[in-house]
Amino acid sequence: MPKTSIEWLIENLCVNLGFCLPTEAQAQLLEDTPSTAEEFATAVFSAEGIDPASEHRIYGQVVEFIEDAFRRSASRDA
């Protein structure tokens, strides 16, 4: 996934879902981007200090949001 797509994703997780990550967490996601939506969502939750298991509904929403971003990025790269 291109860096600009990851930056867009990070920004829109904040704007649309309220997951506004600290600068360090953003840098980590840009440097070592998780390869699946679930791993990315887990990293976001970890950066926010939230246990994904305790927030099933919102975790699912975050995963869906990230999956959509991954799909859009893949279709642009194809």
PDB file of N, CA and C in Angstrom:
ATOM      1  N   MET A   1       0.858  -1.169   0.000  1.00  0.00           N
ATOM      2  CA  MET A   1       0.000   0.000   0.000  1.00  0.00           C
ATOM      3  C   MET A   1       0.909   1.239   0.000  1.00  0.00           C
ATOM      4  N   PRO A   2       0.673   2.161  -0.916  1.00  0.00           N
ATOM      5  CA  PRO A   2       1.505   3.365  -0.979  1.00  0.00           C
ATOM      6  C   PRO A   2       1.396   4.220   0.291  1.00  0.00           C
ATOM      7  N   LYS A   3       2.478   4.916   0.572  1.00  0.00           N
ATOM      8  CA  LYS A   3       2.535   5.756   1.774  1.00  0.00           C
ATOM      9  C   LYS A   3       1.382   6.758   1.814  1.00  0.00           C
ATOM     10  N   THR A   4       1.036   7.349   0.680  1.00  0.00           N
ATOM     11  CA  THR A   4      -0.063   8.329   0.665  1.00  0.00           C
ATOM     12  C   THR A   4      -1.398   7.686   1.031  1.00  0.00           C
ATOM     13  N   SER A   5      -1.585   6.431   0.642  1.00  0.00           N
ATOM     14  CA  SER A   5      -2.820   5.725   0.997  1.00  0.00           C
ATOM     15  C   SER A   5      -2.872   5.428   2.495  1.00  0.00           C
ATOM     16  N   ILE A   6      -1.735   5.100   3.067  1.00  0.00           N
ATOM     17  CA  ILE A   6      -1.675   4.835   4.508  1.00  0.00           C
ATOM     18  C   ILE A   6      -1.930   6.130   5.272  1.00  0.00           C
ATOM     19  N   GLU A   7      -1.329   7.224   4.806  1.00  0.00           N
ATOM     20  CA  GLU A   7      -1.568   8.518   5.450  1.00  0.00           C
ATOM     21  C   GLU A   7      -3.049   8.885   5.388  1.00  0.00           C
ATOM     22  N   TRP A   8      -3.672   8.673   4.224  1.00  0.00           N
ATOM     23  CA  TRP A   8      -5.106   8.933   4.073  1.00  0.00           C
ATOM     24  C   TRP A   8      -5.900   8.082   5.064  1.00  0.00           C
ATOM     25  N   LEU A   9      -5.554   6.798   5.148  1.00  0.00           N
ATOM     26  CA  LEU A   9      -6.245   5.880   6.042  1.00  0.00           C
ATOM     27  C   LEU A   9      -6.129   6.331   7.497  1.00  0.00           C
ATOM     28  N   ILE A  10      -4.934   6.679   7.922  1.00  0.00           N
ATOM     29  CA  ILE A  10      -4.715   7.132   9.296  1.00  0.00           C
ATOM     30  C   ILE A  10      -5.532   8.392   9.584  1.00  0.00           C
ATOM     31  N   GLU A  11      -5.494   9.339   8.655  1.00  0.00           N
ATOM     32  CA  GLU A  11      -6.254  10.575   8.842  1.00  0.00           C
ATOM     33  C   GLU A  11      -7.754  10.306   8.911  1.00  0.00           C
ATOM     34  N   ASN A  12      -8.240   9.436   8.050  1.00  0.00           N
ATOM     35  CA  ASN A  12      -9.671   9.178   8.010  1.00  0.00           C
ATOM     36  C   ASN A  12     -10.158   8.274   9.133  1.00  0.00           C
ATOM     37  N   LEU A  13      -9.285   7.470   9.706  1.00  0.00           N
ATOM     38  CA  LEU A  13      -9.655   6.748  10.924  1.00  0.00           C
ATOM     39  C   LEU A  13      -9.961   7.743  12.035  1.00  0.00           C
ATOM     40  N   CYS A  14      -9.214   8.836  12.061  1.00  0.00           N
ATOM     41  CA  CYS A  14      -9.437   9.882  13.057  1.00  0.00           C
ATOM     42  C   CYS A  14     -10.724  10.646  12.757  1.00  0.00           C
ATOM     43  N   VAL A  15     -10.850  11.136  11.537  1.00  0.00           N
ATOM     44  CA  VAL A  15     -11.982  11.976  11.158  1.00  0.00           C
ATOM     45  C   VAL A  15     -13.308  11.209  11.226  1.00  0.00           C
ATOM     46  N   ASN A  16     -13.303   9.991  10.700  1.00  0.00           N
ATOM     47  CA  ASN A  16     -14.557   9.237  10.569  1.00  0.00           C
ATOM     48  C   ASN A  16     -14.900   8.346  11.758  1.00  0.00           C
ATOM     49  N   LEU A  17     -13.879   7.825  12.438  1.00  0.00           N
ATOM     50  CA  LEU A  17     -14.144   6.872  13.514  1.00  0.00           C
ATOM     51  C   LEU A  17     -13.590   7.295  14.871  1.00  0.00           C
ATOM     52  N   GLY A  18     -12.883   8.417  14.920  1.00  0.00           N
ATOM     53  CA  GLY A  18     -12.404   8.932  16.191  1.00  0.00           C
ATOM     54  C   GLY A  18     -11.132   8.297  16.715  1.00  0.00           C
ATOM     55  N   PHE A  19     -10.423   7.557  15.875  1.00  0.00           N
ATOM     56  CA  PHE A  19      -9.160   6.948  16.285  1.00  0.00           C
ATOM     57  C   PHE A  19      -8.018   7.843  15.810  1.00  0.00           C
ATOM     58  N   CYS A  20      -7.698   8.836  16.616  1.00  0.00           N
ATOM     59  CA  CYS A  20      -6.670   9.826  16.294  1.00  0.00           C
ATOM     60  C   CYS A  20      -5.364   9.414  16.974  1.00  0.00           C
ATOM     61  N   LEU A  21      -4.527   8.769  16.205  1.00  0.00           N
ATOM     62  CA  LEU A  21      -3.325   8.154  16.751  1.00  0.00           C
ATOM     63  C   LEU A  21      -2.233   9.159  17.060  1.00  0.00           C
ATOM     64  N   PRO A  22      -1.453   8.877  18.104  1.00  0.00           N
ATOM     65  CA  PRO A  22      -0.286   9.709  18.399  1.00  0.00           C
ATOM     66  C   PRO A  22       0.701   9.651  17.229  1.00  0.00           C
ATOM     67  N   THR A  23       1.507  10.671  17.097  1.00  0.00           N
ATOM     68  CA  THR A  23       2.471  10.775  16.006  1.00  0.00           C
ATOM     69  C   THR A  23       3.371   9.550  15.920  1.00  0.00           C
ATOM     70  N   GLU A  24       3.819   9.052  17.058  1.00  0.00           N
ATOM     71  CA  GLU A  24       4.702   7.877  17.066  1.00  0.00           C
ATOM     72  C   GLU A  24       4.009   6.656  16.477  1.00  0.00           C
ATOM     73  N   ALA A  25       2.741   6.463  16.819  1.00  0.00           N
ATOM     74  CA  ALA A  25       1.993   5.320  16.297  1.00  0.00           C
ATOM     75  C   ALA A  25       1.776   5.468  14.792  1.00  0.00           C
ATOM     76  N   GLN A  26       1.517   6.686  14.351  1.00  0.00           N
ATOM     77  CA  GLN A  26       1.356   6.928  12.919  1.00  0.00           C
ATOM     78  C   GLN A  26       2.646   6.583  12.178  1.00  0.00           C
ATOM     79  N   ALA A  27       3.760   7.034  12.712  1.00  0.00           N
ATOM     80  CA  ALA A  27       5.052   6.756  12.088  1.00  0.00           C
ATOM     81  C   ALA A  27       5.327   5.261  12.023  1.00  0.00           C
ATOM     82  N   GLN A  28       4.973   4.541  13.081  1.00  0.00           N
ATOM     83  CA  GLN A  28       5.182   3.096  13.108  1.00  0.00           C
ATOM     84  C   GLN A  28       4.343   2.410  12.030  1.00  0.00           C
ATOM     85  N   LEU A  29       3.086   2.834  11.869  1.00  0.00           N
ATOM     86  CA  LEU A  29       2.224   2.240  10.838  1.00  0.00           C
ATOM     87  C   LEU A  29       2.737   2.559   9.434  1.00  0.00           C
ATOM     88  N   LEU A  30       3.299   3.738   9.259  1.00  0.00           N
ATOM     89  CA  LEU A  30       3.865   4.099   7.959  1.00  0.00           C
ATOM     90  C   LEU A  30       5.133   3.308   7.652  1.00  0.00           C
ATOM     91  N   GLU A  31       5.934   3.081   8.683  1.00  0.00           N
ATOM     92  CA  GLU A  31       7.201   2.380   8.488  1.00  0.00           C
ATOM     93  C   GLU A  31       7.014   0.872   8.353  1.00  0.00           C
ATOM     94  N   ASP A  32       6.123   0.320   9.134  1.00  0.00           N
ATOM     95  CA  ASP A  32       5.909  -1.134   9.157  1.00  0.00           C
ATOM     96  C   ASP A  32       4.405  -1.398   9.077  1.00  0.00           C
ATOM     97  N   THR A  33       3.850  -1.214   7.897  1.00  0.00           N
ATOM     98  CA  THR A  33       2.411  -1.336   7.696  1.00  0.00           C
ATOM     99  C   THR A  33       1.975  -2.790   7.800  1.00  0.00           C
ATOM    100  N   PRO A  34       1.019  -3.074   8.681  1.00  0.00           N
ATOM    101  CA  PRO A  34       0.481  -4.433   8.769  1.00  0.00           C
ATOM    102  C   PRO A  34      -0.112  -4.852   7.428  1.00  0.00           C
ATOM    103  N   SER A  35      -0.027  -6.142   7.120  1.00  0.00           N
ATOM    104  CA  SER A  35      -0.446  -6.623   5.808  1.00  0.00           C
ATOM    105  C   SER A  35      -1.931  -6.958   5.711  1.00  0.00           C
ATOM    106  N   THR A  36      -2.608  -7.079   6.848  1.00  0.00           N
ATOM    107  CA  THR A  36      -4.042  -7.371   6.811  1.00  0.00           C
ATOM    108  C   THR A  36      -4.804  -6.288   7.561  1.00  0.00           C
ATOM    109  N   ALA A  37      -6.085  -6.182   7.235  1.00  0.00           N
ATOM    110  CA  ALA A  37      -6.938  -5.209   7.910  1.00  0.00           C
ATOM    111  C   ALA A  37      -7.037  -5.507   9.401  1.00  0.00           C
ATOM    112  N   GLU A  38      -7.101  -6.780   9.752  1.00  0.00           N
ATOM    113  CA  GLU A  38      -7.201  -7.159  11.160  1.00  0.00           C
ATOM    114  C   GLU A  38      -5.953  -6.750  11.931  1.00  0.00           C
ATOM    115  N   GLU A  39      -4.775  -6.987  11.338  1.00  0.00           N
ATOM    116  CA  GLU A  39      -3.525  -6.596  11.998  1.00  0.00           C
ATOM    117  C   GLU A  39      -3.425  -5.077  12.124  1.00  0.00           C
ATOM    118  N   PHE A  40      -3.854  -4.368  11.078  1.00  0.00           N
ATOM    119  CA  PHE A  40      -3.824  -2.908  11.109  1.00  0.00           C
ATOM    120  C   PHE A  40      -4.758  -2.407  12.204  1.00  0.00           C
ATOM    121  N   ALA A  41      -5.975  -2.959  12.253  1.00  0.00           N
ATOM    122  CA  ALA A  41      -6.948  -2.546  13.270  1.00  0.00           C
ATOM    123  C   ALA A  41      -6.428  -2.841  14.673  1.00  0.00           C
ATOM    124  N   THR A  42      -5.808  -3.992  14.856  1.00  0.00           N
ATOM    125  CA  THR A  42      -5.261  -4.343  16.165  1.00  0.00           C
ATOM    126  C   THR A  42      -4.166  -3.360  16.562  1.00  0.00           C
ATOM    127  N   ALA A  43      -3.331  -2.944  15.604  1.00  0.00           N
ATOM    128  CA  ALA A  43      -2.290  -1.961  15.888  1.00  0.00           C
ATOM    129  C   ALA A  43      -2.902  -0.618  16.273  1.00  0.00           C
ATOM    130  N   VAL A  44      -3.989  -0.232  15.600  1.00  0.00           N
ATOM    131  CA  VAL A  44      -4.682   1.015  15.930  1.00  0.00           C
ATOM    132  C   VAL A  44      -5.242   0.946  17.346  1.00  0.00           C
ATOM    133  N   PHE A  45      -5.896  -0.140  17.666  1.00  0.00           N
ATOM    134  CA  PHE A  45      -6.470  -0.293  19.003  1.00  0.00           C
ATOM    135  C   PHE A  45      -5.377  -0.296  20.060  1.00  0.00           C
ATOM    136  N   SER A  46      -4.283  -0.978  19.777  1.00  0.00           N
ATOM    137  CA  SER A  46      -3.167  -1.026  20.719  1.00  0.00           C
ATOM    138  C   SER A  46      -2.608   0.375  20.962  1.00  0.00           C
ATOM    139  N   ALA A  47      -2.458   1.155  19.888  1.00  0.00           N
ATOM    140  CA  ALA A  47      -1.946   2.519  20.022  1.00  0.00           C
ATOM    141  C   ALA A  47      -2.885   3.388  20.857  1.00  0.00           C
ATOM    142  N   GLU A  48      -4.171   3.083  20.817  1.00  0.00           N
ATOM    143  CA  GLU A  48      -5.169   3.831  21.592  1.00  0.00           C
ATOM    144  C   GLU A  48      -5.337   3.263  23.010  1.00  0.00           C
ATOM    145  N   GLY A  49      -4.662   2.145  23.288  1.00  0.00           N
ATOM    146  CA  GLY A  49      -4.769   1.525  24.603  1.00  0.00           C
ATOM    147  C   GLY A  49      -6.092   0.818  24.823  1.00  0.00           C
ATOM    148  N   ILE A  50      -6.675   0.302  23.747  1.00  0.00           N
ATOM    149  CA  ILE A  50      -7.974  -0.372  23.820  1.00  0.00           C
ATOM    150  C   ILE A  50      -7.789  -1.837  23.457  1.00  0.00           C
ATOM    151  N   ASP A  51      -8.402  -2.709  24.225  1.00  0.00           N
ATOM    152  CA  ASP A  51      -8.392  -4.143  23.940  1.00  0.00           C
ATOM    153  C   ASP A  51      -9.464  -4.426  22.893  1.00  0.00           C
ATOM    154  N   PRO A  52      -9.075  -4.881  21.698  1.00  0.00           N
ATOM    155  CA  PRO A  52     -10.073  -5.149  20.653  1.00  0.00           C
ATOM    156  C   PRO A  52     -11.156  -6.131  21.094  1.00  0.00           C
ATOM    157  N   ALA A  53     -10.801  -7.066  21.958  1.00  0.00           N
ATOM    158  CA  ALA A  53     -11.773  -8.059  22.415  1.00  0.00           C
ATOM    159  C   ALA A  53     -12.885  -7.428  23.235  1.00  0.00           C
ATOM    160  N   SER A  54     -12.603  -6.285  23.828  1.00  0.00           N
ATOM    161  CA  SER A  54     -13.620  -5.636  24.660  1.00  0.00           C
ATOM    162  C   SER A  54     -14.539  -4.718  23.859  1.00  0.00           C
ATOM    163  N   GLU A  55     -14.196  -4.479  22.610  1.00  0.00           N
ATOM    164  CA  GLU A  55     -14.962  -3.554  21.762  1.00  0.00           C
ATOM    165  C   GLU A  55     -15.259  -4.188  20.406  1.00  0.00           C
ATOM    166  N   HIS A  56     -15.994  -5.314  20.419  1.00  0.00           N
ATOM    167  CA  HIS A  56     -16.250  -6.074  19.189  1.00  0.00           C
ATOM    168  C   HIS A  56     -16.900  -5.240  18.087  1.00  0.00           C
ATOM    169  N   ARG A  57     -17.925  -4.466  18.427  1.00  0.00           N
ATOM    170  CA  ARG A  57     -18.679  -3.732  17.410  1.00  0.00           C
ATOM    171  C   ARG A  57     -17.797  -2.711  16.699  1.00  0.00           C
ATOM    172  N   ILE A  58     -17.137  -1.872  17.469  1.00  0.00           N
ATOM    173  CA  ILE A  58     -16.316  -0.826  16.850  1.00  0.00           C
ATOM    174  C   ILE A  58     -15.093  -1.439  16.170  1.00  0.00           C
ATOM    175  N   TYR A  59     -14.559  -2.517  16.726  1.00  0.00           N
ATOM    176  CA  TYR A  59     -13.433  -3.203  16.080  1.00  0.00           C
ATOM    177  C   TYR A  59     -13.851  -3.672  14.693  1.00  0.00           C
ATOM    178  N   GLY A  60     -15.045  -4.233  14.590  1.00  0.00           N
ATOM    179  CA  GLY A  60     -15.556  -4.673  13.291  1.00  0.00           C
ATOM    180  C   GLY A  60     -15.696  -3.519  12.320  1.00  0.00           C
ATOM    181  N   GLN A  61     -16.148  -2.385  12.811  1.00  0.00           N
ATOM    182  CA  GLN A  61     -16.277  -1.206  11.953  1.00  0.00           C
ATOM    183  C   GLN A  61     -14.909  -0.737  11.464  1.00  0.00           C
ATOM    184  N   VAL A  62     -13.940  -0.754  12.346  1.00  0.00           N
ATOM    185  CA  VAL A  62     -12.585  -0.328  11.980  1.00  0.00           C
ATOM    186  C   VAL A  62     -12.001  -1.290  10.946  1.00  0.00           C
ATOM    187  N   VAL A  63     -12.174  -2.587  11.162  1.00  0.00           N
ATOM    188  CA  VAL A  63     -11.673  -3.578  10.199  1.00  0.00           C
ATOM    189  C   VAL A  63     -12.317  -3.355   8.833  1.00  0.00           C
ATOM    190  N   GLU A  64     -13.625  -3.156   8.796  1.00  0.00           N
ATOM    191  CA  GLU A  64     -14.320  -2.917   7.524  1.00  0.00           C
ATOM    192  C   GLU A  64     -13.799  -1.652   6.843  1.00  0.00           C
ATOM    193  N   PHE A  65     -13.587  -0.598   7.605  1.00  0.00           N
ATOM    194  CA  PHE A  65     -13.070   0.657   7.067  1.00  0.00           C
ATOM    195  C   PHE A  65     -11.695   0.430   6.450  1.00  0.00           C
ATOM    196  N   ILE A  66     -10.841  -0.302   7.158  1.00  0.00           N
ATOM    197  CA  ILE A  66      -9.488  -0.575   6.678  1.00  0.00           C
ATOM    198  C   ILE A  66      -9.527  -1.501   5.464  1.00  0.00           C
ATOM    199  N   GLU A  67     -10.371  -2.527   5.486  1.00  0.00           N
ATOM    200  CA  GLU A  67     -10.504  -3.419   4.332  1.00  0.00           C
ATOM    201  C   GLU A  67     -10.893  -2.628   3.087  1.00  0.00           C
ATOM    202  N   ASP A  68     -11.825  -1.699   3.243  1.00  0.00           N
ATOM    203  CA  ASP A  68     -12.253  -0.870   2.124  1.00  0.00           C
ATOM    204  C   ASP A  68     -11.080  -0.041   1.588  1.00  0.00           C
ATOM    205  N   ALA A  69     -10.297   0.518   2.487  1.00  0.00           N
ATOM    206  CA  ALA A  69      -9.129   1.315   2.074  1.00  0.00           C
ATOM    207  C   ALA A  69      -8.105   0.429   1.358  1.00  0.00           C
ATOM    208  N   PHE A  70      -7.881  -0.782   1.862  1.00  0.00           N
ATOM    209  CA  PHE A  70      -6.955  -1.709   1.210  1.00  0.00           C
ATOM    210  C   PHE A  70      -7.458  -2.059  -0.191  1.00  0.00           C
ATOM    211  N   ARG A  71      -8.769  -2.325  -0.333  1.00  0.00           N
ATOM    212  CA  ARG A  71      -9.346  -2.664  -1.641  1.00  0.00           C
ATOM    213  C   ARG A  71      -9.185  -1.506  -2.627  1.00  0.00           C
ATOM    214  N   ARG A  72      -9.493  -0.297  -2.164  1.00  0.00           N
ATOM    215  CA  ARG A  72      -9.369   0.871  -3.041  1.00  0.00           C
ATOM    216  C   ARG A  72      -7.924   1.068  -3.481  1.00  0.00           C
ATOM    217  N   SER A  73      -6.999   0.879  -2.581  1.00  0.00           N
ATOM    218  CA  SER A  73      -5.595   1.038  -2.919  1.00  0.00           C
ATOM    219  C   SER A  73      -5.163  -0.036  -3.926  1.00  0.00           C
ATOM    220  N   ALA A  74      -5.596  -1.269  -3.729  1.00  0.00           N
ATOM    221  CA  ALA A  74      -5.239  -2.368  -4.628  1.00  0.00           C
ATOM    222  C   ALA A  74      -5.832  -2.141  -6.020  1.00  0.00           C
ATOM    223  N   SER A  75      -7.044  -1.615  -6.091  1.00  0.00           N
ATOM    224  CA  SER A  75      -7.662  -1.400  -7.406  1.00  0.00           C
ATOM    225  C   SER A  75      -6.956  -0.264  -8.152  1.00  0.00           C
ATOM    226  N   ARG A  76      -6.443   0.717  -7.433  1.00  0.00           N
ATOM    227  CA  ARG A  76      -5.687   1.800  -8.082  1.00  0.00           C
ATOM    228  C   ARG A  76      -4.337   1.309  -8.573  1.00  0.00           C
ATOM    229  N   ASP A  77      -3.755   0.350  -7.849  1.00  0.00           N
ATOM    230  CA  ASP A  77      -2.448  -0.170  -8.225  1.00  0.00           C
ATOM    231  C   ASP A  77      -2.531  -1.185  -9.357  1.00  0.00           C
ATOM    232  N   ALA A  78      -3.725  -1.737  -9.594  1.00  0.00           N
ATOM    233  CA  ALA A  78      -3.893  -2.782 -10.615  1.00  0.00           C
ATOM    234  C   ALA A  78      -3.893  -2.217 -12.019  1.00  0.00           C
TER     235      ALA A  78
END
